[in-house]
Amino acid sequence: MTLELIDIALSERHSHPRLQNRITGKVRAVLAETIGGRLIEHEIFVPVWIDAVEGTPEDDIELSLMVKAAYIIGRLKSRLSSSQEPLSGNVFPADTPTASNDDVAAPSDIPHPAASNSTQE
């Protein structure tokens, strides 16, 4: 599985409400991968923050937020590429037992604390 970053853009940014010079934001990233010969695109939003120096130009702040998001995405790609097995749509192997309705307690089987016969004195 190979993820490729095909687009990145700052979606939103705000000054932190309590921390001076902290800028928070969300960066929209579009990743593409080919699975079974089909190109699939994934749009994700990465929450990021930076500590800016007073007087930092707006363009530098926006670029810093996007660079930080790109770094996070790079770590994600590295983690996914180092995994042994590719991910598939089926999370559970075919031989994994699944729960039946008999395994789940019905709401009437669960005692309610207020229905207890004991009283505290």
C-alpha atoms as a PDB file:
ATOM      1  CA  MET A   1       0.000   0.000   0.000  1.00  0.00           C
ATOM      2  CA  THR A   2       1.408   3.350  -1.019  1.00  0.00           C
ATOM      3  CA  LEU A   3      -0.233   6.568   0.088  1.00  0.00           C
ATOM      4  CA  GLU A   4       0.608   9.686  -1.857  1.00  0.00           C
ATOM      5  CA  LEU A   5      -0.109  13.197  -0.633  1.00  0.00           C
ATOM      6  CA  ILE A   6      -1.735  14.904  -3.616  1.00  0.00           C
ATOM      7  CA  ASP A   7      -3.133  18.075  -2.013  1.00  0.00           C
ATOM      8  CA  ILE A   8      -2.731  19.994   1.213  1.00  0.00           C
ATOM      9  CA  ALA A   9      -4.375  23.248   2.278  1.00  0.00           C
ATOM     10  CA  LEU A  10      -5.071  25.151   5.459  1.00  0.00           C
ATOM     11  CA  SER A  11      -8.738  24.683   6.310  1.00  0.00           C
ATOM     12  CA  GLU A  12      -8.975  26.875   9.415  1.00  0.00           C
ATOM     13  CA  ARG A  13      -6.788  28.639  11.942  1.00  0.00           C
ATOM     14  CA  HIS A  14      -7.330  30.435  15.226  1.00  0.00           C
ATOM     15  CA  SER A  15      -5.368  32.049  18.002  1.00  0.00           C
ATOM     16  CA  HIS A  16      -5.437  29.849  21.081  1.00  0.00           C
ATOM     17  CA  PRO A  17      -7.925  31.243  23.623  1.00  0.00           C
ATOM     18  CA  ARG A  18      -5.511  31.016  26.578  1.00  0.00           C
ATOM     19  CA  LEU A  19      -1.942  30.497  25.348  1.00  0.00           C
ATOM     20  CA  GLN A  20      -0.299  33.601  23.969  1.00  0.00           C
ATOM     21  CA  ASN A  21       1.346  33.181  20.528  1.00  0.00           C
ATOM     22  CA  ARG A  22      -0.141  29.652  20.116  1.00  0.00           C
ATOM     23  CA  ILE A  23      -1.898  29.204  16.778  1.00  0.00           C
ATOM     24  CA  THR A  24      -4.157  26.186  16.243  1.00  0.00           C
ATOM     25  CA  GLY A  25      -5.661  24.998  13.015  1.00  0.00           C
ATOM     26  CA  LYS A  26      -6.855  22.185  10.814  1.00  0.00           C
ATOM     27  CA  VAL A  27      -5.138  21.238   7.603  1.00  0.00           C
ATOM     28  CA  ARG A  28      -7.039  19.422   4.855  1.00  0.00           C
ATOM     29  CA  ALA A  29      -4.976  16.743   3.169  1.00  0.00           C
ATOM     30  CA  VAL A  30      -5.951  14.547   0.242  1.00  0.00           C
ATOM     31  CA  LEU A  31      -4.187  11.196   0.064  1.00  0.00           C
ATOM     32  CA  ALA A  32      -4.397   8.778  -2.859  1.00  0.00           C
ATOM     33  CA  GLU A  33      -3.727   5.059  -2.994  1.00  0.00           C
ATOM     34  CA  THR A  34      -4.291   2.292  -5.492  1.00  0.00           C
ATOM     35  CA  ILE A  35      -6.114  -0.788  -4.236  1.00  0.00           C
ATOM     36  CA  GLY A  36      -6.964  -3.580  -6.635  1.00  0.00           C
ATOM     37  CA  GLY A  37      -6.190  -1.352  -9.606  1.00  0.00           C
ATOM     38  CA  ARG A  38      -8.590   1.385  -8.447  1.00  0.00           C
ATOM     39  CA  LEU A  39      -7.396   4.836  -7.426  1.00  0.00           C
ATOM     40  CA  ILE A  40      -8.959   5.810  -4.101  1.00  0.00           C
ATOM     41  CA  GLU A  41      -8.701   9.271  -2.595  1.00  0.00           C
ATOM     42  CA  HIS A  42      -8.974   9.976   1.128  1.00  0.00           C
ATOM     43  CA  GLU A  43      -9.670  13.447   2.497  1.00  0.00           C
ATOM     44  CA  ILE A  44      -8.508  13.910   6.091  1.00  0.00           C
ATOM     45  CA  PHE A  45      -8.282  16.872   8.416  1.00  0.00           C
ATOM     46  CA  VAL A  46      -5.185  17.055  10.613  1.00  0.00           C
ATOM     47  CA  PRO A  47      -5.365  19.177  13.775  1.00  0.00           C
ATOM     48  CA  VAL A  48      -2.098  21.105  14.240  1.00  0.00           C
ATOM     49  CA  TRP A  49      -0.633  23.870  16.366  1.00  0.00           C
ATOM     50  CA  ILE A  50       2.454  26.053  16.415  1.00  0.00           C
ATOM     51  CA  ASP A  51       3.965  28.619  18.736  1.00  0.00           C
ATOM     52  CA  ALA A  52       4.586  31.744  16.676  1.00  0.00           C
ATOM     53  CA  VAL A  53       6.900  34.602  17.558  1.00  0.00           C
ATOM     54  CA  GLU A  54       5.219  37.996  17.886  1.00  0.00           C
ATOM     55  CA  GLY A  55       5.128  39.678  14.471  1.00  0.00           C
ATOM     56  CA  THR A  56       5.453  36.497  12.383  1.00  0.00           C
ATOM     57  CA  PRO A  57       3.959  37.116   8.909  1.00  0.00           C
ATOM     58  CA  GLU A  58       0.607  35.436   8.216  1.00  0.00           C
ATOM     59  CA  ASP A  59       2.014  33.513   5.238  1.00  0.00           C
ATOM     60  CA  ASP A  60       4.747  32.016   7.438  1.00  0.00           C
ATOM     61  CA  ILE A  61       2.199  30.959  10.063  1.00  0.00           C
ATOM     62  CA  GLU A  62       0.031  29.250   7.433  1.00  0.00           C
ATOM     63  CA  LEU A  63       3.036  27.542   5.877  1.00  0.00           C
ATOM     64  CA  SER A  64       4.231  26.347   9.302  1.00  0.00           C
ATOM     65  CA  LEU A  65       0.846  24.780  10.045  1.00  0.00           C
ATOM     66  CA  MET A  66       0.857  22.968   6.685  1.00  0.00           C
ATOM     67  CA  VAL A  67       4.459  21.788   7.139  1.00  0.00           C
ATOM     68  CA  LYS A  68       3.581  20.381  10.559  1.00  0.00           C
ATOM     69  CA  ALA A  69       0.590  18.526   9.066  1.00  0.00           C
ATOM     70  CA  ALA A  70       2.788  17.181   6.254  1.00  0.00           C
ATOM     71  CA  TYR A  71       5.247  15.911   8.875  1.00  0.00           C
ATOM     72  CA  ILE A  72       2.417  14.122  10.735  1.00  0.00           C
ATOM     73  CA  ILE A  73       1.190  12.583   7.469  1.00  0.00           C
ATOM     74  CA  GLY A  74       4.755  11.474   6.697  1.00  0.00           C
ATOM     75  CA  ARG A  75       4.914   9.657  10.042  1.00  0.00           C
ATOM     76  CA  LEU A  76       1.558   8.027   9.281  1.00  0.00           C
ATOM     77  CA  LYS A  77       2.781   6.872   5.851  1.00  0.00           C
ATOM     78  CA  SER A  78       5.950   5.494   7.429  1.00  0.00           C
ATOM     79  CA  ARG A  79       3.973   3.546  10.009  1.00  0.00           C
ATOM     80  CA  LEU A  80       1.617   2.116   7.405  1.00  0.00           C
ATOM     81  CA  SER A  81       4.411   1.124   5.027  1.00  0.00           C
ATOM     82  CA  SER A  82       6.310  -0.698   7.790  1.00  0.00           C
ATOM     83  CA  SER A  83       3.318  -2.908   8.662  1.00  0.00           C
ATOM     84  CA  GLN A  84       3.662  -6.497   7.496  1.00  0.00           C
ATOM     85  CA  GLU A  85       0.212  -7.067   5.991  1.00  0.00           C
ATOM     86  CA  PRO A  86      -1.739  -4.680   3.789  1.00  0.00           C
ATOM     87  CA  LEU A  87      -5.075  -3.553   5.167  1.00  0.00           C
ATOM     88  CA  SER A  88      -8.203  -4.909   3.552  1.00  0.00           C
ATOM     89  CA  GLY A  89     -11.887  -4.164   3.815  1.00  0.00           C
ATOM     90  CA  ASN A  90     -12.406  -7.208   6.063  1.00  0.00           C
ATOM     91  CA  VAL A  91     -11.087  -6.370   9.517  1.00  0.00           C
ATOM     92  CA  PHE A  92     -11.802  -9.837  10.965  1.00  0.00           C
ATOM     93  CA  PRO A  93     -10.271 -13.017   9.526  1.00  0.00           C
ATOM     94  CA  ALA A  94     -12.770 -15.570   8.169  1.00  0.00           C
ATOM     95  CA  ASP A  95     -12.101 -17.990  11.044  1.00  0.00           C
ATOM     96  CA  THR A  96     -12.805 -15.419  13.784  1.00  0.00           C
ATOM     97  CA  PRO A  97     -15.936 -16.331  15.740  1.00  0.00           C
ATOM     98  CA  THR A  98     -18.557 -13.618  15.819  1.00  0.00           C
ATOM     99  CA  ALA A  99     -20.933 -12.847  18.667  1.00  0.00           C
ATOM    100  CA  SER A 100     -24.498 -14.034  18.411  1.00  0.00           C
ATOM    101  CA  ASN A 101     -27.535 -12.483  20.038  1.00  0.00           C
ATOM    102  CA  ASP A 102     -27.361 -15.234  22.686  1.00  0.00           C
ATOM    103  CA  ASP A 103     -24.031 -13.788  23.894  1.00  0.00           C
ATOM    104  CA  VAL A 104     -25.523 -10.370  24.670  1.00  0.00           C
ATOM    105  CA  ALA A 105     -27.527  -9.703  27.828  1.00  0.00           C
ATOM    106  CA  ALA A 106     -30.992  -8.334  27.239  1.00  0.00           C
ATOM    107  CA  PRO A 107     -31.772  -5.055  29.046  1.00  0.00           C
ATOM    108  CA  SER A 108     -34.238  -6.939  31.289  1.00  0.00           C
ATOM    109  CA  ASP A 109     -31.399  -9.270  32.450  1.00  0.00           C
ATOM    110  CA  ILE A 110     -29.357  -6.384  33.829  1.00  0.00           C
ATOM    111  CA  PRO A 111     -30.367  -5.430  37.382  1.00  0.00           C
ATOM    112  CA  HIS A 112     -31.141  -1.757  37.931  1.00  0.00           C
ATOM    113  CA  PRO A 113     -29.491  -0.228  41.060  1.00  0.00           C
ATOM    114  CA  ALA A 114     -32.760   1.405  42.141  1.00  0.00           C
ATOM    115  CA  ALA A 115     -34.570  -1.948  42.026  1.00  0.00           C
ATOM    116  CA  SER A 116     -32.364  -3.416  44.754  1.00  0.00           C
ATOM    117  CA  ASN A 117     -34.193  -4.736  47.847  1.00  0.00           C
ATOM    118  CA  SER A 118     -31.445  -3.633  50.224  1.00  0.00           C
ATOM    119  CA  THR A 119     -31.844  -0.366  52.031  1.00  0.00           C
ATOM    120  CA  GLN A 120     -29.185   1.634  53.797  1.00  0.00           C
ATOM    121  CA  GLU A 121     -29.851   2.624  57.407  1.00  0.00           C
END
